[in-house]
Protein backbone atom coordinates (compact mmCIF):
# COMPACT_ATOMS: atom_id res chain seq x y z
CA MET A 1 0.00 0.00 0.00
CA GLN A 2 1.40 3.38 -1.01
CA PHE A 3 0.93 6.61 0.95
CA SER A 4 1.99 10.14 0.15
CA VAL A 5 2.37 13.00 2.58
CA ILE A 6 0.89 16.34 1.59
CA GLY A 7 1.32 19.10 4.16
CA HIS A 8 0.20 17.66 7.49
CA CYS A 9 -2.10 15.05 5.95
CA THR A 10 -1.42 11.53 4.79
CA TRP A 11 -3.40 10.31 1.81
CA GLY A 12 -3.94 6.68 0.99
CA ASP A 13 -6.48 4.01 0.18
CA SER A 14 -7.13 1.32 2.77
CA ALA A 15 -10.67 0.33 1.83
CA ASN A 16 -10.35 -0.97 -1.70
CA GLU A 17 -6.66 -1.29 -2.47
CA GLY A 18 -5.82 -1.31 -6.15
CA LYS A 19 -9.30 -0.20 -7.17
CA ASP A 20 -9.30 3.46 -6.23
CA VAL A 21 -12.22 5.51 -7.46
CA ALA A 22 -10.41 8.80 -6.70
CA THR A 23 -6.90 10.01 -7.54
CA ILE A 24 -5.13 13.32 -6.89
CA VAL A 25 -4.97 15.65 -9.88
CA ALA A 26 -4.00 19.01 -8.35
CA THR A 27 -2.56 20.53 -5.18
CA LEU A 28 -2.89 24.25 -4.48
CA PRO A 29 -0.92 26.04 -1.74
CA GLU A 30 -2.78 28.40 0.61
CA ASP A 31 -1.49 30.86 3.21
CA GLU A 32 -4.05 29.95 5.88
CA ASP A 33 -6.33 27.08 6.80
CA VAL A 34 -9.25 27.06 4.36
CA THR A 35 -12.82 26.76 5.63
CA GLY A 36 -14.76 28.04 2.58
CA LEU A 37 -14.57 26.03 -0.63
CA ASP A 38 -16.73 25.78 -3.76
CA PHE A 39 -16.37 24.91 -7.44
CA SER A 40 -17.68 27.25 -10.11
CA PRO A 41 -20.63 25.69 -12.02
CA ASP A 42 -18.43 24.86 -15.01
CA GLY A 43 -15.84 23.23 -12.72
CA LYS A 44 -12.98 25.41 -13.97
CA TYR A 45 -12.44 27.44 -10.83
CA LEU A 46 -12.27 26.97 -7.08
CA ALA A 47 -13.24 29.72 -4.66
CA THR A 48 -11.53 29.60 -1.26
CA SER A 49 -11.87 31.61 1.94
CA THR A 50 -10.05 31.54 5.25
CA PRO A 51 -11.33 32.69 8.64
CA ASN A 52 -8.34 34.92 9.40
CA THR A 53 -8.25 36.98 6.21
CA THR A 54 -10.58 39.51 4.60
CA THR A 55 -10.26 38.10 1.09
CA VAL A 56 -11.67 35.32 -1.06
CA ARG A 57 -9.50 33.76 -3.75
CA LEU A 58 -10.50 32.34 -7.11
CA TRP A 59 -8.17 29.60 -8.40
CA ASP A 60 -7.76 28.40 -11.98
CA TRP A 61 -7.10 24.98 -10.49
CA ASN A 62 -7.18 22.91 -13.69
CA GLY A 63 -5.40 25.38 -15.96
CA THR A 64 -2.58 27.53 -14.68
CA GLY A 65 -2.94 26.31 -11.08
CA LYS A 66 -2.76 29.94 -9.97
CA ILE A 67 -5.00 32.54 -8.36
CA VAL A 68 -6.80 34.49 -11.07
CA ARG A 69 -8.73 36.88 -8.82
CA THR A 70 -8.82 38.06 -5.21
CA VAL A 71 -11.91 39.82 -3.85
CA GLU A 72 -12.50 41.63 -0.58
CA LYS A 73 -15.18 40.84 2.00
CA VAL A 74 -17.32 43.91 2.66
CA ASP A 75 -17.42 43.53 6.41
CA GLY A 76 -14.08 41.76 6.74
CA ARG A 77 -15.69 39.39 9.21
CA ASP A 78 -14.27 36.19 10.62
CA ASP A 79 -15.96 33.20 8.95
CA LEU A 80 -14.74 30.72 11.55
CA VAL A 81 -18.30 29.99 12.75
CA ALA A 82 -19.64 29.46 9.22
CA SER A 83 -20.20 25.92 7.99
CA GLU A 84 -20.93 26.88 4.36
CA PRO A 85 -19.36 30.32 3.87
CA LEU A 86 -19.04 30.26 0.04
CA ARG A 87 -21.45 29.41 -2.75
CA PHE A 88 -21.54 30.05 -6.50
CA SER A 89 -24.93 30.67 -8.06
CA PRO A 90 -25.95 27.89 -10.50
CA ASN A 91 -25.39 30.13 -13.53
CA GLY A 92 -22.00 31.31 -12.26
CA LYS A 93 -23.17 34.92 -12.24
CA PHE A 94 -22.65 35.38 -8.49
CA LEU A 95 -20.39 34.19 -5.72
CA ALA A 96 -21.83 34.61 -2.24
CA GLY A 97 -19.96 34.80 1.04
CA THR A 98 -21.37 35.32 4.50
CA ASP A 99 -21.40 39.11 4.14
CA THR A 100 -20.72 39.81 0.45
CA VAL A 101 -21.93 38.84 -3.02
CA TRP A 102 -19.49 39.32 -5.89
CA ASN A 103 -19.47 39.12 -9.64
CA PRO A 104 -16.75 36.44 -9.92
CA ARG A 105 -15.84 37.46 -13.46
CA SER A 106 -15.06 41.08 -12.62
CA GLY A 107 -14.45 40.77 -8.89
CA THR A 108 -16.82 43.64 -8.15
CA VAL A 109 -19.15 43.66 -5.17
CA VAL A 110 -22.82 43.46 -6.16
CA PHE A 111 -24.27 43.25 -2.66
CA GLY A 112 -22.78 43.92 0.75
CA MET A 113 -24.42 42.85 4.00
CA LYS A 114 -23.18 44.66 7.09
CA ALA A 115 -23.71 42.39 10.09
CA SER A 116 -24.61 43.36 13.63
CA SER A 117 -22.68 42.35 16.71
CA GLY A 118 -23.99 39.05 18.01
CA VAL A 119 -25.40 38.01 14.62
CA ASN A 120 -23.40 35.55 12.53
CA CYS A 121 -24.24 34.20 9.10
CA VAL A 122 -23.38 30.50 9.27
CA ALA A 123 -24.31 29.34 5.75
CA VAL A 124 -25.34 30.59 2.31
CA ALA A 125 -27.03 28.84 -0.64
CA PHE A 126 -28.69 29.71 -3.96
CA SER A 127 -31.90 28.30 -5.37
CA PRO A 128 -31.45 26.05 -8.45
CA ASP A 129 -32.76 28.80 -10.74
CA GLY A 130 -30.50 31.41 -9.12
CA LYS A 131 -33.43 33.70 -8.24
CA TRP A 132 -33.04 33.41 -4.49
CA LEU A 133 -30.21 33.62 -2.01
CA PHE A 134 -30.70 31.85 1.33
CA ARG A 135 -28.81 32.80 4.48
CA ALA A 136 -28.87 31.10 7.87
CA PHE A 137 -28.00 33.05 11.03
CA SER A 138 -27.05 32.34 14.59
CA ARG A 139 -28.09 35.16 16.95
CA SER A 140 -27.27 36.04 20.54
CA PRO A 141 -30.27 35.39 22.84
CA GLU A 142 -31.01 39.07 23.39
CA ILE A 143 -31.11 39.88 19.65
CA LEU A 144 -34.48 39.24 18.04
CA GLY A 145 -34.90 38.51 14.35
CA ASP A 146 -34.94 35.83 11.70
CA ASN A 147 -32.40 33.03 11.59
CA PHE A 148 -33.33 32.08 8.02
CA THR A 149 -33.75 34.77 5.35
CA VAL A 150 -34.52 34.65 1.62
CA TYR A 151 -33.24 37.39 -0.72
CA ASP A 152 -34.30 38.21 -4.28
CA THR A 153 -31.13 38.19 -6.41
CA ALA A 154 -32.70 40.72 -8.81
CA ASP A 155 -32.41 43.53 -6.26
CA TRP A 156 -31.01 41.78 -3.12
CA HIS A 157 -33.91 42.78 -0.93
CA PRO A 158 -35.02 40.32 1.75
CA VAL A 159 -38.33 38.76 0.71
CA TRP A 160 -39.21 36.69 3.74
CA GLY A 161 -37.68 34.96 6.72
CA LEU A 162 -38.29 32.69 9.67
CA GLY A 163 -37.22 33.11 13.25
CA ALA A 164 -37.27 30.64 16.12
CA ALA A 165 -36.36 31.84 19.60
CA TRP A 166 -33.55 29.87 21.22
CA PHE A 167 -32.76 27.92 18.05
CA TYR A 168 -29.21 28.50 16.80
CA PRO A 169 -28.58 27.10 13.30
CA ASP A 170 -25.00 26.17 12.51
CA SER A 171 -25.52 24.41 9.17
CA MET A 172 -27.90 24.52 6.21
CA ALA A 173 -28.62 22.53 3.06
CA LEU A 174 -31.02 23.16 0.18
CA SER A 175 -32.81 20.32 -1.59
CA PRO A 176 -31.78 19.88 -5.24
CA ASP A 177 -35.25 20.86 -6.50
CA GLY A 178 -35.21 24.00 -4.35
CA LYS A 179 -38.43 23.08 -2.53
CA PHE A 180 -36.98 22.50 0.92
CA ALA A 181 -34.23 23.78 3.17
CA ALA A 182 -32.81 21.97 6.18
CA LEU A 183 -31.27 23.73 9.17
CA ALA A 184 -29.37 22.06 12.00
CA GLY A 185 -28.31 23.43 15.37
CA PRO A 186 -28.94 23.47 19.12
CA ASN A 187 -32.23 24.47 20.72
CA LEU A 188 -31.78 26.10 24.13
CA ASP A 189 -35.39 26.97 24.92
CA ALA A 190 -35.72 24.91 28.10
CA GLY A 191 -33.80 22.32 30.08
CA PRO A 192 -30.82 20.54 28.54
CA VAL A 193 -29.56 21.43 25.08
CA ARG A 194 -31.52 19.68 22.34
CA HIS A 195 -29.90 19.36 18.93
CA GLN A 196 -32.35 19.52 16.07
CA VAL A 197 -32.69 19.34 12.31
CA ARG A 198 -35.56 21.48 11.03
CA ILE A 199 -36.95 21.10 7.51
CA ILE A 200 -38.55 24.15 5.89
CA ASP A 201 -41.11 23.94 3.08
CA LEU A 202 -40.09 26.97 1.04
CA SER A 203 -43.45 27.30 -0.75
CA LYS A 204 -45.33 27.27 2.56
CA ARG A 205 -42.66 29.38 4.25
CA ALA A 206 -42.94 27.17 7.29
CA ILE A 207 -41.09 24.51 9.26
CA VAL A 208 -42.79 21.22 8.41
CA ARG A 209 -40.63 18.76 10.36
CA THR A 210 -38.33 18.88 13.38
CA LEU A 211 -35.97 15.98 14.08
CA GLU A 212 -34.12 15.54 17.34
CA MET A 213 -30.56 14.84 16.20
CA ASP A 214 -27.15 16.47 16.26
CA ALA A 215 -25.38 17.59 13.08
CA THR A 216 -22.45 19.65 11.88
CA ARG A 217 -23.22 19.19 8.17
CA LEU A 218 -26.22 18.30 6.03
CA ALA A 219 -26.54 17.08 2.43
CA TRP A 220 -29.54 16.15 0.30
CA SER A 221 -29.33 13.25 -2.11
CA PRO A 222 -29.67 14.37 -5.75
CA ASP A 223 -33.16 12.85 -5.99
CA GLY A 224 -34.25 14.73 -2.87
CA ILE A 225 -35.41 11.56 -1.13
CA HIS A 226 -32.70 11.33 1.52
CA LEU A 227 -30.99 13.79 3.83
CA ALA A 228 -27.54 12.84 5.09
CA VAL A 229 -26.74 14.15 8.56
CA ALA A 230 -23.13 14.21 9.77
CA GLY A 231 -21.49 14.97 13.09
CA GLY A 232 -23.74 13.44 15.72
CA VAL A 233 -24.12 9.99 17.21
CA PRO A 234 -24.11 7.89 15.06
CA SER A 235 -21.59 9.93 13.10
CA ILE A 236 -23.49 9.59 9.80
CA VAL A 237 -27.26 9.23 9.63
CA ILE A 238 -29.30 9.04 6.45
CA ILE A 239 -32.98 9.80 6.81
CA ASP A 240 -36.03 9.69 4.58
CA ALA A 241 -36.62 13.43 4.24
CA ALA A 242 -40.39 13.08 3.83
CA SER A 243 -40.98 10.92 6.91
CA GLY A 244 -37.93 11.60 9.06
CA VAL A 245 -37.30 7.87 9.40
CA ILE A 246 -33.66 6.78 9.67
CA VAL A 247 -32.86 4.46 6.77
CA ASP A 248 -29.12 4.00 7.41
CA SER A 249 -26.44 5.02 9.89
CA GLU A 250 -22.73 4.69 10.49
CA SER A 251 -21.08 4.55 13.89
CA GLY A 252 -18.18 6.76 14.89
CA GLU A 253 -17.18 9.64 17.08
CA SER A 254 -19.37 12.72 17.22
CA GLY A 255 -17.92 16.08 16.31
CA ARG A 256 -16.97 18.01 13.20
CA ALA A 257 -17.82 16.05 10.09
CA PHE A 258 -18.62 16.66 6.43
CA VAL A 259 -20.90 14.95 3.96
CA ARG A 260 -21.45 15.52 0.22
CA TYR A 261 -23.24 13.72 -2.59
CA THR A 262 -22.02 14.01 -6.16
CA ARG A 263 -24.82 15.56 -8.19
CA ASP A 264 -25.17 12.49 -10.38
CA GLY A 265 -25.83 10.41 -7.25
CA LYS A 266 -22.94 8.07 -7.97
CA TYR A 267 -20.95 8.78 -4.79
CA LEU A 268 -21.44 9.89 -1.21
CA ILE A 269 -18.31 11.50 0.22
CA GLU A 270 -17.96 11.92 3.96
CA SER A 271 -15.31 12.95 6.43
CA VAL A 272 -15.40 11.56 9.96
CA ASN A 273 -12.99 9.99 12.47
CA GLY A 274 -9.90 11.34 10.71
CA ALA A 275 -10.73 9.86 7.32
CA VAL A 276 -12.52 10.81 4.13
CA ARG A 277 -14.66 7.92 2.95
CA ILE A 278 -16.08 7.50 -0.52
CA TRP A 279 -19.21 5.35 -0.70
CA ASP A 280 -21.52 4.45 -3.52
CA GLY A 281 -24.47 6.84 -3.66
CA GLN A 282 -26.73 4.45 -1.73
CA HIS A 283 -24.24 4.19 1.16
CA ARG A 284 -23.96 0.42 0.75
CA THR A 285 -20.34 -0.12 -0.30
CA LEU A 286 -17.26 1.68 1.01
CA LEU A 287 -15.12 2.26 -2.08
CA GLN A 288 -12.13 4.20 -0.76
CA ARG A 289 -10.77 5.58 2.49
CA ILE A 290 -8.41 8.56 2.55
CA LYS A 291 -6.58 9.56 5.71
CA ALA A 292 -7.39 13.24 6.15
CA MET A 293 -9.15 15.74 8.39
CA PRO A 294 -10.32 18.42 5.94
CA GLY A 295 -11.56 21.87 6.77
CA ASN A 296 -14.18 21.55 4.05
CA ILE A 297 -15.19 19.48 1.03
CA ALA A 298 -16.53 20.65 -2.34
CA VAL A 299 -17.84 18.60 -5.27
CA SER A 300 -17.91 19.82 -8.87
CA GLY A 301 -21.27 20.12 -10.57
CA ASP A 302 -20.53 17.37 -13.08
CA GLY A 303 -19.48 14.97 -10.32
CA ARG A 304 -16.02 14.43 -11.84
CA TYR A 305 -13.99 16.09 -9.09
CA PHE A 306 -13.99 16.83 -5.40
CA ALA A 307 -11.70 19.10 -3.41
CA LEU A 308 -10.50 18.90 0.18
CA SER A 309 -9.00 21.74 2.17
CA ALA A 310 -6.13 20.16 4.09
CA GLY A 311 -4.50 22.69 6.36
CA ARG A 312 -2.80 25.19 4.09
CA LYS A 313 -3.40 23.20 0.93
CA ILE A 314 -6.29 22.41 -1.38
CA VAL A 315 -6.16 18.93 -2.88
CA VAL A 316 -8.35 18.14 -5.88
CA TRP A 317 -9.29 14.55 -6.68
CA SER A 318 -10.65 13.06 -9.90
CA LEU A 319 -13.51 10.55 -9.57
CA LYS A 320 -13.96 7.64 -11.93
């Protein structure tokens, strides 16, 4: 078995030796640990952000391997608390951070969102048609307001929002058809802390299901049937999104974890217990295990590549 050392991470396959489904195709050096990571819709570029800098970088990862643009965050805020701090719009017209929306082609700011003390944007997402930007917030107890807000990307005005006292979202995922959003975080309304996943019907503008489970990351399957929940106990749980019934789970330590489906549904990529695991899309067969503890994971829209932030490096893998 062969291993290679990249930065502070060791990469290798111990699940399916000799039959790897993923191989390294690019390594990009960063100055700081990367927490924000997303592919452009065409897969040509990678956007990266770090919690200790006020900039976002755009890498031509598969061409020159160099940074082609650097843009400034409007508020210069620390994104350390954000689980999903960067997202491209589906048409590639916009790149959203927790406090800024840019035109990635020109690098100009198209919308800036000054935040208040005690209010942190923890995740951003675009609707499949690019008409709406979704933001999830965690607020201090004394600050009233929504913790889920929808913006019209035509003029960037907030259209509607939902607030729940004592609920503190720390992750968000949008269903592939854009009909539902899922939020996860602790509820501190009474007694001991209760960790919850709340599913919002976006047409009804209402929470339609609340599940009592811990999570640090969420991911919808491409068909919208399943919601993968990572970071609790068990470490990976896959539920039927319509009923809330657990259909599969994977044991492991609780804590920071990541989970992503490729958009073609072929693979489920997860990070837990110091390893990145690549499963088939139904979570039945473990195909490859990579020793790594990434700061984030991104998957290209065509499902051909995924990227891991590994300390001060970005490592891009090609999927068969």
